[in-house]
Protein backbone atom coordinates (compact mmCIF):
# COMPACT_ATOMS: atom_id res chain seq x y z
CA MET A 1 -25.92 6.85 2.14
CA THR A 2 -24.37 4.43 -0.37
CA ASN A 3 -20.65 3.90 0.10
CA ARG A 4 -19.28 4.60 -3.39
CA LEU A 5 -15.92 3.01 -2.64
CA PHE A 6 -17.57 -0.38 -2.88
CA ASP A 7 -19.65 0.38 -5.96
CA ALA A 8 -18.61 -2.21 -8.54
CA SER A 9 -19.34 0.25 -11.36
CA VAL A 10 -16.61 2.58 -10.13
CA ALA A 11 -13.25 2.09 -11.84
CA PRO A 12 -10.24 1.69 -9.54
CA SER A 13 -8.80 4.98 -10.76
CA THR A 14 -11.92 6.83 -9.55
CA VAL A 15 -12.37 5.15 -6.18
CA PRO A 16 -13.25 7.73 -3.47
CA GLU A 17 -10.96 6.30 -0.79
CA ALA A 18 -12.18 8.67 1.94
CA GLU A 19 -15.44 6.71 2.04
CA ALA A 20 -13.69 3.38 2.74
CA GLY A 21 -15.69 0.84 4.70
CA GLY A 22 -14.60 -2.12 6.77
CA PRO A 23 -12.13 -4.84 5.77
CA TRP A 24 -14.72 -7.39 4.63
CA ALA A 25 -16.47 -4.72 2.57
CA TYR A 26 -13.17 -3.81 0.92
CA LEU A 27 -12.42 -7.44 0.05
CA TRP A 28 -15.95 -7.85 -1.34
CA TRP A 29 -15.50 -4.70 -3.42
CA LEU A 30 -12.28 -6.11 -4.90
CA ALA A 31 -14.11 -9.31 -5.80
CA ARG A 32 -17.04 -7.48 -7.41
CA ILE A 33 -15.15 -5.10 -9.67
CA ARG A 34 -13.54 -8.04 -11.55
CA PRO A 35 -15.27 -11.30 -10.66
CA ARG A 36 -14.22 -13.31 -13.74
CA PRO A 37 -10.88 -14.65 -12.36
CA LEU A 38 -12.54 -15.69 -9.10
CA VAL A 39 -15.47 -17.40 -10.84
CA LEU A 40 -13.13 -19.16 -13.25
CA ALA A 41 -10.87 -20.25 -10.37
CA ALA A 42 -13.89 -21.60 -8.48
CA VAL A 43 -15.09 -23.65 -11.48
CA LEU A 44 -11.61 -24.97 -12.25
CA GLY A 45 -11.03 -25.66 -8.55
CA ALA A 46 -14.10 -27.88 -8.50
CA LEU A 47 -13.04 -29.61 -11.74
CA TRP A 48 -9.61 -30.18 -10.21
CA MET A 49 -10.74 -31.45 -6.81
CA VAL A 50 -13.82 -33.54 -7.70
CA PRO A 51 -11.91 -36.03 -9.92
CA LEU A 52 -9.42 -36.47 -7.10
CA ALA A 53 -12.32 -37.29 -4.80
CA LEU A 54 -13.94 -39.72 -7.26
CA ILE A 55 -10.82 -41.72 -8.16
CA PRO A 56 -10.86 -43.79 -4.89
CA LEU A 57 -14.52 -44.65 -5.52
CA VAL A 58 -13.79 -45.66 -9.11
CA LEU A 59 -10.82 -47.79 -8.01
CA GLY A 60 -13.03 -49.50 -5.42
CA ARG A 61 -15.53 -50.42 -8.11
CA ALA A 62 -12.69 -51.69 -10.30
CA ILE A 63 -11.51 -53.96 -7.48
CA ASP A 64 -15.00 -55.35 -7.05
CA GLU A 65 -15.27 -55.97 -10.80
CA ALA A 66 -11.95 -57.82 -10.76
CA GLY A 67 -13.22 -60.08 -8.00
CA GLN A 68 -16.21 -61.20 -10.02
CA ASP A 69 -16.31 -63.78 -12.81
CA THR A 70 -17.86 -61.41 -15.34
CA GLY A 71 -14.83 -60.96 -17.56
CA GLN A 72 -12.38 -58.10 -17.89
CA THR A 73 -14.69 -55.63 -19.63
CA GLY A 74 -15.92 -53.97 -16.43
CA LEU A 75 -12.40 -53.71 -15.06
CA TYR A 76 -11.18 -52.02 -18.24
CA LEU A 77 -14.08 -49.57 -18.27
CA TRP A 78 -13.57 -48.51 -14.66
CA SER A 79 -9.81 -48.23 -15.27
CA LEU A 80 -10.42 -46.00 -18.31
CA LEU A 81 -12.76 -43.86 -16.23
CA ALA A 82 -10.01 -43.45 -13.60
CA LEU A 83 -7.59 -42.46 -16.38
CA GLY A 84 -10.07 -39.92 -17.74
CA LEU A 85 -10.54 -38.42 -14.29
CA GLY A 86 -6.76 -38.10 -13.98
CA VAL A 87 -6.49 -36.28 -17.31
CA LEU A 88 -9.37 -33.95 -16.37
CA GLN A 89 -7.71 -33.20 -13.06
CA ALA A 90 -4.39 -32.38 -14.74
CA LEU A 91 -5.98 -30.01 -17.25
CA ALA A 92 -8.15 -28.32 -14.63
CA GLY A 93 -5.13 -27.96 -12.33
CA ALA A 94 -3.16 -26.13 -15.00
CA GLY A 95 -6.07 -23.78 -15.63
CA LEU A 96 -6.64 -23.30 -11.91
CA ILE A 97 -3.10 -22.05 -11.39
CA GLN A 98 -3.52 -19.42 -14.11
CA ALA A 99 -6.93 -18.31 -12.87
CA ALA A 100 -5.81 -18.17 -9.21
CA VAL A 101 -2.71 -16.15 -10.09
CA GLY A 102 -4.90 -13.84 -12.18
CA ALA A 103 -7.23 -13.26 -9.22
CA GLU A 104 -4.24 -12.63 -6.97
CA ALA A 105 -2.68 -10.20 -9.46
CA HIS A 106 -6.00 -8.33 -9.72
CA ALA A 107 -6.18 -7.85 -5.94
CA LEU A 108 -2.52 -6.81 -5.78
CA SER A 109 -2.66 -4.30 -8.64
CA VAL A 110 -5.95 -2.67 -7.62
CA THR A 111 -4.92 -2.32 -3.98
CA HIS A 112 -1.56 -0.88 -5.02
CA ARG A 113 -3.30 1.67 -7.27
CA VAL A 114 -5.84 2.58 -4.61
CA LEU A 115 -3.09 3.09 -2.02
CA MET A 116 -0.93 5.10 -4.40
CA ARG A 117 -3.85 7.33 -5.34
CA GLN A 118 -4.59 7.90 -1.67
CA VAL A 119 -0.95 8.78 -0.95
CA VAL A 120 -0.97 11.29 -3.81
CA ARG A 121 -4.34 12.62 -2.64
CA LEU A 122 -3.07 13.21 0.89
CA GLY A 123 0.17 14.76 -0.32
CA ALA A 124 2.16 16.55 2.36
CA THR A 125 -0.53 15.89 4.99
CA LEU A 126 0.28 12.16 4.96
CA ARG A 127 3.42 12.66 7.05
CA GLY A 128 1.40 14.07 9.93
CA LYS A 129 -1.41 11.51 9.72
CA ALA A 130 0.39 8.17 9.41
CA ARG A 131 3.78 6.64 10.12
CA SER A 132 5.89 6.03 7.04
CA GLY A 133 6.36 2.46 8.29
CA ASP A 134 2.60 1.86 8.18
CA VAL A 135 2.43 3.08 4.59
CA VAL A 136 5.37 0.89 3.55
CA ALA A 137 3.95 -2.15 5.35
CA SER A 138 0.55 -1.66 3.72
CA ALA A 139 2.11 -1.37 0.26
CA THR A 140 4.12 -4.57 0.78
CA ALA A 141 2.99 -7.07 3.42
CA ASP A 142 -0.69 -6.07 3.56
CA VAL A 143 -1.11 -6.07 -0.21
CA GLU A 144 0.52 -9.50 -0.36
CA SER A 145 -1.84 -10.87 2.31
CA ILE A 146 -4.86 -9.62 0.36
CA GLY A 147 -3.52 -11.20 -2.82
CA ASN A 148 -3.00 -14.54 -1.05
CA ALA A 149 -6.65 -14.55 0.02
CA PHE A 150 -7.78 -14.21 -3.59
CA GLU A 151 -5.40 -16.96 -4.69
CA VAL A 152 -6.87 -19.53 -2.27
CA VAL A 153 -10.54 -18.91 -3.16
CA GLY A 154 -10.67 -21.30 -6.13
CA ARG A 155 -9.08 -24.21 -4.28
CA THR A 156 -11.33 -23.64 -1.28
CA ILE A 157 -14.54 -23.72 -3.31
CA GLY A 158 -13.28 -26.81 -5.11
CA ALA A 159 -12.54 -28.47 -1.77
CA VAL A 160 -16.05 -27.74 -0.48
CA VAL A 161 -17.70 -29.11 -3.64
CA ALA A 162 -15.50 -32.22 -3.60
CA ALA A 163 -16.23 -32.86 0.09
CA VAL A 164 -19.97 -32.68 -0.61
CA VAL A 165 -19.63 -35.07 -3.58
CA VAL A 166 -17.68 -37.57 -1.47
CA ALA A 167 -20.14 -37.34 1.39
CA VAL A 168 -23.08 -37.98 -0.95
CA ALA A 169 -21.33 -40.89 -2.67
CA LEU A 170 -20.37 -42.50 0.63
CA THR A 171 -23.87 -42.03 1.98
CA LEU A 172 -25.37 -43.81 -1.05
CA THR A 173 -22.93 -46.69 -0.52
CA SER A 174 -23.21 -46.89 3.28
CA PRO A 175 -25.48 -44.53 5.21
CA VAL A 176 -23.52 -45.20 8.40
CA LEU A 177 -20.16 -44.21 6.88
CA GLY A 178 -21.74 -41.33 4.99
CA LEU A 179 -23.18 -40.01 8.24
CA ALA A 180 -19.78 -40.32 9.88
CA VAL A 181 -18.27 -38.22 7.09
CA LEU A 182 -21.05 -35.63 7.23
CA ILE A 183 -20.49 -35.23 10.97
CA GLY A 184 -16.73 -35.69 11.20
CA VAL A 185 -15.51 -33.34 8.46
CA PRO A 186 -17.53 -30.25 9.55
CA ALA A 187 -16.56 -30.97 13.17
CA ALA A 188 -12.88 -31.00 12.16
CA VAL A 189 -13.26 -27.67 10.36
CA LEU A 190 -15.18 -26.10 13.24
CA GLY A 191 -12.53 -27.32 15.69
CA ILE A 192 -10.07 -24.96 14.02
CA GLY A 193 -12.31 -21.91 14.58
CA PRO A 194 -11.25 -21.07 18.17
CA LEU A 195 -7.66 -20.60 17.00
CA LEU A 196 -8.47 -17.91 14.42
CA ARG A 197 -9.21 -15.02 16.76
CA PRO A 198 -5.94 -15.34 18.74
CA LEU A 199 -4.09 -15.60 15.42
CA GLN A 200 -5.67 -12.35 14.21
CA GLU A 201 -4.76 -10.55 17.43
CA ARG A 202 -1.15 -11.70 17.28
CA ASP A 203 -0.87 -10.84 13.60
CA GLU A 204 -2.16 -7.34 14.35
CA ALA A 205 0.42 -6.95 17.12
CA GLN A 206 3.20 -8.12 14.82
CA ARG A 207 2.01 -5.78 12.07
CA GLU A 208 2.04 -2.85 14.49
CA GLN A 209 5.61 -3.62 15.59
CA MET A 210 6.73 -4.00 11.98
CA GLY A 211 5.34 -0.56 11.17
CA ILE A 212 7.26 0.97 14.08
CA ALA A 213 10.48 -0.78 13.06
CA THR A 214 10.12 0.30 9.43
CA SER A 215 9.56 3.91 10.47
CA GLN A 216 12.63 3.86 12.71
CA ALA A 217 14.75 2.33 9.94
CA GLY A 218 13.61 5.03 7.52
CA ASP A 219 14.44 7.76 10.05
CA ILE A 220 17.91 6.33 10.62
CA VAL A 221 18.68 6.09 6.90
CA ALA A 222 17.36 9.58 6.19
CA GLY A 223 19.30 11.13 9.08
CA LEU A 224 22.48 9.06 8.91
CA ARG A 225 24.66 12.01 8.00
CA ILE A 226 23.37 14.01 10.95
CA LEU A 227 23.65 11.04 13.32
CA ARG A 228 27.29 10.55 12.37
CA GLY A 229 27.94 14.24 12.77
CA ILE A 230 26.71 14.27 16.36
CA GLY A 231 27.89 10.75 17.23
CA GLY A 232 24.39 9.44 17.73
CA GLU A 233 24.47 6.41 15.44
CA ASP A 234 25.22 3.98 18.30
CA GLY A 235 22.26 5.21 20.33
CA PHE A 236 19.88 4.92 17.43
CA ALA A 237 21.29 1.51 16.50
CA GLU A 238 20.62 0.27 20.03
CA ARG A 239 17.11 1.69 19.89
CA PHE A 240 16.49 -0.11 16.61
CA ARG A 241 17.87 -3.35 18.03
CA ARG A 242 15.35 -3.18 20.86
CA THR A 243 12.54 -2.53 18.40
CA SER A 244 13.64 -5.38 16.13
CA GLN A 245 13.61 -7.73 19.12
CA GLN A 246 10.04 -6.69 19.83
CA VAL A 247 9.18 -7.49 16.21
CA ARG A 248 10.88 -10.87 16.59
CA ARG A 249 8.95 -11.70 19.76
CA ALA A 250 5.67 -10.63 18.14
CA GLY A 251 6.50 -12.79 15.11
CA GLU A 252 7.33 -15.77 17.29
CA SER A 253 4.03 -15.37 19.13
CA ALA A 254 2.10 -15.25 15.85
CA GLY A 255 4.17 -18.16 14.53
CA ARG A 256 3.32 -20.33 17.53
CA MET A 257 -0.38 -19.73 17.01
CA GLU A 258 0.00 -20.44 13.30
CA ALA A 259 1.81 -23.69 14.15
CA TRP A 260 -1.09 -24.74 16.41
CA LEU A 261 -3.46 -23.95 13.57
CA GLN A 262 -1.46 -26.06 11.13
CA ALA A 263 -1.23 -28.89 13.65
CA ALA A 264 -4.99 -28.83 14.15
CA GLY A 265 -5.42 -28.94 10.38
CA VAL A 266 -3.51 -32.22 10.31
CA PHE A 267 -4.65 -33.78 13.59
CA LEU A 268 -8.42 -33.25 13.38
CA PRO A 269 -8.93 -34.61 9.85
CA GLY A 270 -6.56 -37.43 10.77
CA LEU A 271 -8.89 -38.39 13.57
CA VAL A 272 -11.80 -38.39 11.12
CA THR A 273 -9.84 -40.63 8.72
CA VAL A 274 -8.91 -43.08 11.47
CA GLY A 275 -12.50 -43.24 12.66
CA ILE A 276 -13.93 -43.83 9.17
CA VAL A 277 -11.33 -46.51 8.36
CA TRP A 278 -12.02 -48.32 11.65
CA LEU A 279 -15.76 -48.21 11.08
CA GLY A 280 -15.37 -49.30 7.44
CA ALA A 281 -13.21 -52.25 8.48
CA ARG A 282 -15.87 -53.35 10.97
CA LEU A 283 -18.54 -53.14 8.28
CA ALA A 284 -16.37 -55.11 5.83
CA LEU A 285 -15.80 -57.86 8.40
CA ASN A 286 -19.56 -58.05 8.95
CA GLY A 287 -20.13 -58.32 5.21
CA THR A 288 -22.06 -55.06 5.08
CA ILE A 289 -19.68 -53.59 2.46
CA THR A 290 -17.37 -55.24 -0.05
CA ALA A 291 -13.58 -55.16 -0.14
CA GLY A 292 -13.68 -52.67 -3.00
CA GLU A 293 -16.02 -50.43 -1.05
CA LEU A 294 -13.65 -50.61 1.92
CA VAL A 295 -10.79 -49.47 -0.31
CA ALA A 296 -13.02 -46.72 -1.69
CA PHE A 297 -13.94 -45.57 1.81
CA TYR A 298 -10.31 -45.54 2.91
CA GLY A 299 -9.22 -43.57 -0.16
CA ALA A 300 -12.12 -41.14 0.22
CA SER A 301 -11.46 -40.62 3.93
CA ALA A 302 -7.76 -40.06 3.21
CA PHE A 303 -8.76 -37.60 0.49
CA LEU A 304 -10.88 -35.66 2.97
CA THR A 305 -7.73 -34.48 4.73
CA LEU A 306 -7.08 -32.33 1.64
CA PRO A 307 -10.36 -30.35 1.83
CA VAL A 308 -9.91 -29.88 5.57
CA SER A 309 -6.31 -28.70 5.19
CA THR A 310 -7.41 -26.40 2.35
CA ALA A 311 -10.17 -25.00 4.57
CA THR A 312 -7.56 -24.48 7.31
CA GLU A 313 -5.30 -22.62 4.88
CA ALA A 314 -8.25 -20.53 3.68
CA ALA A 315 -9.27 -19.66 7.24
CA GLU A 316 -5.73 -18.59 8.09
CA THR A 317 -5.28 -16.66 4.85
CA LEU A 318 -8.62 -14.86 5.16
CA SER A 319 -7.79 -14.02 8.78
CA LEU A 320 -4.54 -12.38 7.67
CA ALA A 321 -6.33 -10.70 4.75
CA LYS A 322 -8.90 -9.23 7.14
CA VAL A 323 -6.13 -7.70 9.26
CA ALA A 324 -4.39 -6.39 6.12
CA ALA A 325 -7.59 -4.97 4.62
CA GLY A 326 -8.33 -3.26 7.93
CA ARG A 327 -4.95 -1.53 7.78
CA VAL A 328 -5.54 -0.50 4.18
CA CYS A 329 -8.96 0.91 5.09
CA ASN A 330 -7.38 2.89 7.94
CA LEU A 331 -5.14 4.62 5.40
CA LEU A 332 -8.01 5.12 2.98
CA ARG A 333 -10.09 6.83 5.66
CA LEU A 334 -7.50 9.59 6.11
CA ALA A 335 -8.77 12.85 4.69
CA PRO A 336 -6.52 15.53 3.18
CA GLU A 337 -6.47 18.94 4.76
CA THR A 338 -7.14 20.51 1.38
CA VAL A 339 -10.76 19.99 0.37
CA ARG A 340 -12.14 21.15 -2.95
CA PRO A 341 -14.66 23.92 -2.30
CA ASP A 342 -18.19 23.51 -3.59
CA HIS A 343 -17.85 26.58 -5.80
CA PRO A 344 -14.13 27.26 -6.38
CA ALA A 345 -13.13 30.75 -7.39
CA PRO A 346 -10.72 31.12 -10.34
CA LEU A 347 -7.38 32.78 -9.70
CA PRO A 348 -6.47 35.84 -11.77
CA ALA A 349 -4.16 35.28 -14.72
CA GLY A 350 -0.45 36.09 -14.52
CA ALA A 351 1.71 36.63 -11.46
CA LEU A 352 -0.19 36.23 -8.20
CA ALA A 353 -0.14 38.72 -5.36
CA LEU A 354 -0.16 37.24 -1.85
CA ALA A 355 -1.54 38.78 1.34
CA ASP A 356 -2.03 37.36 4.83
CA ALA A 357 -4.16 39.59 7.05
CA ASP A 358 -3.15 37.77 10.25
CA THR A 359 0.64 37.86 9.88
CA GLY A 360 0.88 41.04 7.85
CA ILE A 361 2.81 39.29 5.09
CA THR A 362 2.24 40.86 1.69
CA ALA A 363 3.93 40.04 -1.61
CA ALA A 364 3.20 42.17 -4.64
CA ALA A 365 2.59 40.42 -7.93
CA GLY A 366 5.76 39.95 -9.96
CA ARG A 367 8.09 41.03 -7.12
CA LEU A 368 10.65 39.30 -4.88
CA THR A 369 9.57 39.38 -1.23
CA VAL A 370 11.73 38.14 1.66
CA VAL A 371 10.11 37.17 4.95
CA THR A 372 12.43 37.09 7.94
CA ALA A 373 11.16 35.03 10.85
CA PRO A 374 12.60 32.77 13.55
CA ALA A 375 13.96 29.53 12.10
CA ASP A 376 11.47 27.40 14.06
CA ARG A 377 8.55 29.21 12.41
CA THR A 378 9.50 29.14 8.72
CA GLY A 379 7.93 25.74 8.12
CA GLU A 380 4.69 26.81 9.79
CA LEU A 381 4.60 30.03 7.79
CA ALA A 382 5.26 28.19 4.52
CA ASP A 383 2.39 25.81 5.34
CA ARG A 384 0.12 28.71 6.12
CA LEU A 385 0.86 30.55 2.89
CA SER A 386 0.66 27.51 0.59
CA ARG A 387 -1.77 24.98 2.09
CA PRO A 388 -5.48 25.54 2.57
CA GLY A 389 -6.47 24.18 5.95
CA ALA A 390 -3.17 24.97 7.65
CA ARG A 391 -3.31 26.29 11.20
CA GLY A 392 -4.33 29.90 11.61
CA GLY A 393 -7.33 30.17 9.32
CA PRO A 394 -6.68 29.81 5.59
CA SER A 395 -9.32 32.40 4.70
CA ALA A 396 -6.93 35.09 5.97
CA VAL A 397 -4.50 34.23 3.16
CA ARG A 398 -5.43 35.55 -0.26
CA LEU A 399 -3.93 34.95 -3.69
CA GLY A 400 -4.78 37.66 -6.17
CA GLY A 401 -7.63 38.63 -3.87
CA VAL A 402 -9.04 35.06 -3.75
CA PRO A 403 -9.12 33.34 -0.32
CA LEU A 404 -6.74 30.38 -0.34
CA ASP A 405 -9.45 27.95 0.78
CA ARG A 406 -11.74 29.08 -2.08
CA ALA A 407 -9.24 28.30 -4.84
CA ASP A 408 -9.49 25.13 -6.91
CA PRO A 409 -6.82 22.73 -5.54
CA GLU A 410 -5.93 21.55 -9.05
CA GLU A 411 -5.39 25.09 -10.28
CA LEU A 412 -3.53 25.91 -7.08
CA SER A 413 -1.13 23.02 -7.64
CA THR A 414 -0.18 24.37 -11.08
CA ARG A 415 0.05 28.06 -10.09
CA LEU A 416 1.69 27.87 -6.65
CA LEU A 417 4.76 25.89 -5.63
CA ARG A 418 6.41 25.60 -2.26
CA SER A 419 9.96 24.27 -2.01
CA GLY A 420 11.88 23.68 1.19
CA PRO A 421 14.27 21.48 3.16
CA ALA A 422 11.72 18.64 3.37
CA ASP A 423 11.84 18.20 -0.43
CA ILE A 424 13.68 15.12 -1.65
CA LEU A 425 15.22 13.82 -4.84
CA PHE A 426 13.74 10.59 -6.14
CA SER A 427 15.61 7.84 -7.93
CA GLY A 428 15.81 8.26 -11.69
CA THR A 429 17.79 10.27 -14.22
CA VAL A 430 18.66 13.87 -13.45
CA ARG A 431 16.59 15.00 -16.43
CA GLU A 432 13.49 13.12 -15.22
CA GLU A 433 13.96 14.43 -11.70
CA LEU A 434 14.26 18.08 -12.75
CA THR A 435 11.60 18.17 -15.46
CA ALA A 436 9.01 15.79 -13.93
CA GLY A 437 7.64 15.10 -17.41
CA SER A 438 7.27 18.77 -18.33
CA VAL A 439 7.33 19.68 -22.02
CA ARG A 440 9.21 22.93 -21.43
CA SER A 441 12.29 23.51 -23.56
CA ARG A 442 15.86 22.43 -22.86
CA GLU A 443 16.76 26.12 -22.79
CA ALA A 444 14.38 26.64 -19.85
CA LEU A 445 16.08 23.76 -18.03
CA GLU A 446 19.51 25.24 -18.66
CA GLN A 447 18.32 28.61 -17.36
CA ALA A 448 16.97 26.98 -14.19
CA LEU A 449 20.25 25.12 -13.63
CA PHE A 450 22.21 28.32 -14.19
CA ALA A 451 20.04 30.32 -11.79
CA ALA A 452 20.41 27.65 -9.08
CA ASP A 453 24.18 27.47 -9.80
CA ALA A 454 23.65 23.73 -10.33
CA ALA A 455 25.09 23.35 -13.85
CA ASP A 456 28.41 22.25 -12.38
CA VAL A 457 26.61 19.61 -10.29
CA VAL A 458 25.11 18.09 -13.43
CA ASP A 459 28.42 18.32 -15.32
CA SER A 460 30.22 16.47 -12.52
CA LEU A 461 27.91 13.48 -12.83
CA PRO A 462 28.78 10.72 -15.32
CA GLY A 463 26.24 11.12 -18.09
CA GLY A 464 25.19 14.64 -17.18
CA LEU A 465 21.42 15.02 -17.38
CA ASP A 466 21.15 11.30 -18.14
CA ALA A 467 23.05 10.32 -14.99
CA TRP A 468 21.16 8.11 -12.57
CA LEU A 469 20.31 9.55 -9.17
CA ASP A 470 20.03 7.19 -6.23
CA GLU A 471 17.08 7.52 -3.88
CA GLY A 472 17.26 10.81 -1.99
CA GLY A 473 20.33 11.84 -4.00
CA ARG A 474 22.44 10.27 -1.27
CA ALA A 475 25.57 10.33 -3.42
CA LEU A 476 25.41 14.14 -3.50
CA SER A 477 26.49 16.61 -0.86
CA GLY A 478 23.92 18.67 1.02
CA GLY A 479 24.67 21.75 -1.05
CA GLN A 480 24.45 19.86 -4.34
CA ARG A 481 21.09 18.37 -3.40
CA GLN A 482 19.75 21.77 -2.36
CA ARG A 483 20.81 23.39 -5.63
CA LEU A 484 19.20 20.64 -7.72
CA ILE A 485 15.99 20.94 -5.71
CA LEU A 486 16.03 24.71 -6.28
CA ALA A 487 16.62 24.16 -10.02
CA ARG A 488 13.62 21.83 -10.11
CA ALA A 489 11.43 24.48 -8.48
CA LEU A 490 12.67 27.21 -10.82
CA PHE A 491 12.13 25.06 -13.91
CA ALA A 492 8.47 24.60 -12.93
CA ALA A 493 8.09 28.39 -13.28
CA PRO A 494 4.97 28.76 -11.09
CA ASP A 495 3.18 32.10 -10.89
CA LEU A 496 3.91 32.11 -7.14
CA LEU A 497 7.00 30.41 -5.74
CA ILE A 498 7.55 30.06 -1.96
CA LEU A 499 11.08 29.08 -0.96
CA GLU A 500 12.25 28.09 2.53
CA ASP A 501 15.93 28.86 3.13
CA PRO A 502 16.88 27.85 -0.43
CA THR A 503 20.61 28.55 0.10
CA ALA A 504 21.11 27.35 3.68
CA SER A 505 23.57 24.61 2.64
CA VAL A 506 25.82 26.59 0.30
CA ASP A 507 28.72 28.96 0.93
CA ALA A 508 28.37 32.73 0.80
CA HIS A 509 29.92 33.12 -2.71
CA THR A 510 27.53 30.52 -4.18
CA GLU A 511 24.63 32.08 -2.33
CA ALA A 512 25.39 35.50 -3.78
CA ARG A 513 25.36 34.10 -7.31
CA VAL A 514 22.13 32.20 -6.67
CA VAL A 515 20.37 35.24 -5.22
CA ASP A 516 21.21 37.48 -8.20
CA ARG A 517 20.35 34.83 -10.78
CA VAL A 518 17.06 33.80 -9.16
CA ALA A 519 15.98 37.42 -8.91
CA ALA A 520 16.73 37.88 -12.63
CA LEU A 521 15.07 34.62 -13.71
CA ARG A 522 11.94 35.24 -11.66
CA ALA A 523 11.48 38.82 -12.85
CA GLY A 524 7.78 39.36 -13.52
CA LEU A 525 6.79 36.37 -11.37
CA THR A 526 5.98 36.43 -7.66
CA THR A 527 8.62 34.93 -5.36
CA VAL A 528 8.48 34.70 -1.57
CA VAL A 529 11.64 33.63 0.25
CA LEU A 530 11.54 32.76 3.96
CA THR A 531 15.08 33.35 5.21
CA ASP A 532 17.18 35.52 7.48
CA SER A 533 20.01 35.76 4.93
CA PRO A 534 21.22 39.36 4.43
CA LEU A 535 22.03 38.57 0.79
CA TRP A 536 18.39 37.75 0.06
CA ARG A 537 17.19 40.79 1.98
CA ALA A 538 19.52 43.01 -0.03
CA ALA A 539 18.12 41.71 -3.32
CA ALA A 540 14.46 41.82 -2.25
CA ASP A 541 11.89 44.27 -3.54
CA HIS A 542 10.08 43.96 -0.22
CA VAL A 543 11.09 42.64 3.22
CA VAL A 544 8.74 41.55 6.00
CA ARG A 545 10.09 40.94 9.49
CA LEU A 546 8.06 38.92 11.98
CA ASP A 547 8.36 38.70 15.75
CA ALA A 548 9.35 35.46 17.44
CA GLU A 549 5.98 34.88 19.13
CA PRO A 550 2.51 34.95 17.62
CA ALA A 551 0.19 37.68 18.77
CA PRO A 552 -2.75 36.88 21.11
CA GLY A 553 -5.50 34.88 19.44
CA GLY A 554 -3.11 32.81 17.34
CA THR A 555 -2.20 35.51 14.80
CA ASP A 556 1.28 36.76 14.03
CA ARG A 557 2.41 40.28 14.79
CA PRO A 558 4.34 42.01 12.00
CA ALA A 559 7.41 43.70 13.34
CA GLY A 560 8.89 45.23 10.28
CA VAL A 561 8.26 47.43 7.29
CA PRO A 562 9.18 47.15 3.64
CA SER A 563 12.83 47.75 2.83
């Protein structure tokens, strides 16, 4: 079966990430979907490197011309040719930088878009399938490594072409020296090969430790209020210090191997240069080559350190890119729990009724239903009622008579909304955060803020709806954040709204106002609230009470009746 992820005709916005192949296949796919920058960089790289390789040969001929009694014409011509090569190299170098940066930007932007689309595709299931640190590291360090690999391609191809040109030119001048170059330069490059595999392994180990450290840092920042409340910040800080030391040791190990690689990139071509110069000097003393040819051979052999060092850089960069692309592919292979059915069934128009045959939960269309269950089960129940593929058999849950796993995920996302304590506030203005680009009226937003009793929260911020919220709304109290999150859910006005403890962080007087206002605002729409609050139960049209333990066979046992 053809892997469509690596089909060059597929635009980046339509890449089916779940069919991701291996790291080399991913890098090749990136190169194929927009080859122009790479091809241009390769051509300009050759035009930049070849003149640099030819200049020592031209200077050698100029020296020989100066030593002959044939006038100054030949010397001037060879000097002008050297000048022309210098101008060509300067122009090609300027173009090479632009083309290489363009190729790098292409790899960066496409990989960023592919990763972001995959994160959106996975949605809430991402948290259970990958560490947040791995996702952050892939979106930063891994993407940068892939971009660096595309940046070095043009210079590497230019180095290879220039090395071949020099080898041919030296062979035509002196077969012995040409043979030495043809043997010595590839041997120097191959001598670097044994260091690449250990470097890859150590880079992978460092990348793994960085992912762990990033995840721990995110957990500490997200839970700092709780940690301070229970006095646990010192323990977590010590744990993070230990992890950071492991990252440091892994980085030092990778750095040592990288240092050996860089040293080999200098030492091995240096040996080749020394050998060629020694052999050229012997040939010059024997009269086999001229003084100008000796200078040309020395300059050419010194130049060959540049192609070898470029090849070393390319080998190291591609090694890192392979590790990074492998990590990206691991994320792209993750499959969401929600899969679009082959023949999705449309949901009925208007408010949606909900029924779960296993738990006994029922919510009539257009009514407020409160489900009382143990606190440790509310998240599981919310998953079950809102996410196809959640544990317990999604076919038992029906919306308007349609099995949850038969509904179109896109329609489901617009008709059903779940809001709970795991929801966060993103950075941006309050208006952007609450409306999420919706075209609904300002009056609808004011009604949602009033129902969530969050109008005073907005009024207290400098700028009101145009005030800037920091990431996670960390400048707000827990109750303020919860009310804004509730207002965001109410403003969306879904046909079915599932709320998990929406007033757990507010006082009883605020909760009473919120309960009455939400019930009034959501009149005619279906609302399911998972809470043990007596205020919500008192306002409910229907109450379902569940036992603490699931019934045999993995189903829940209803333990209550409608109020």
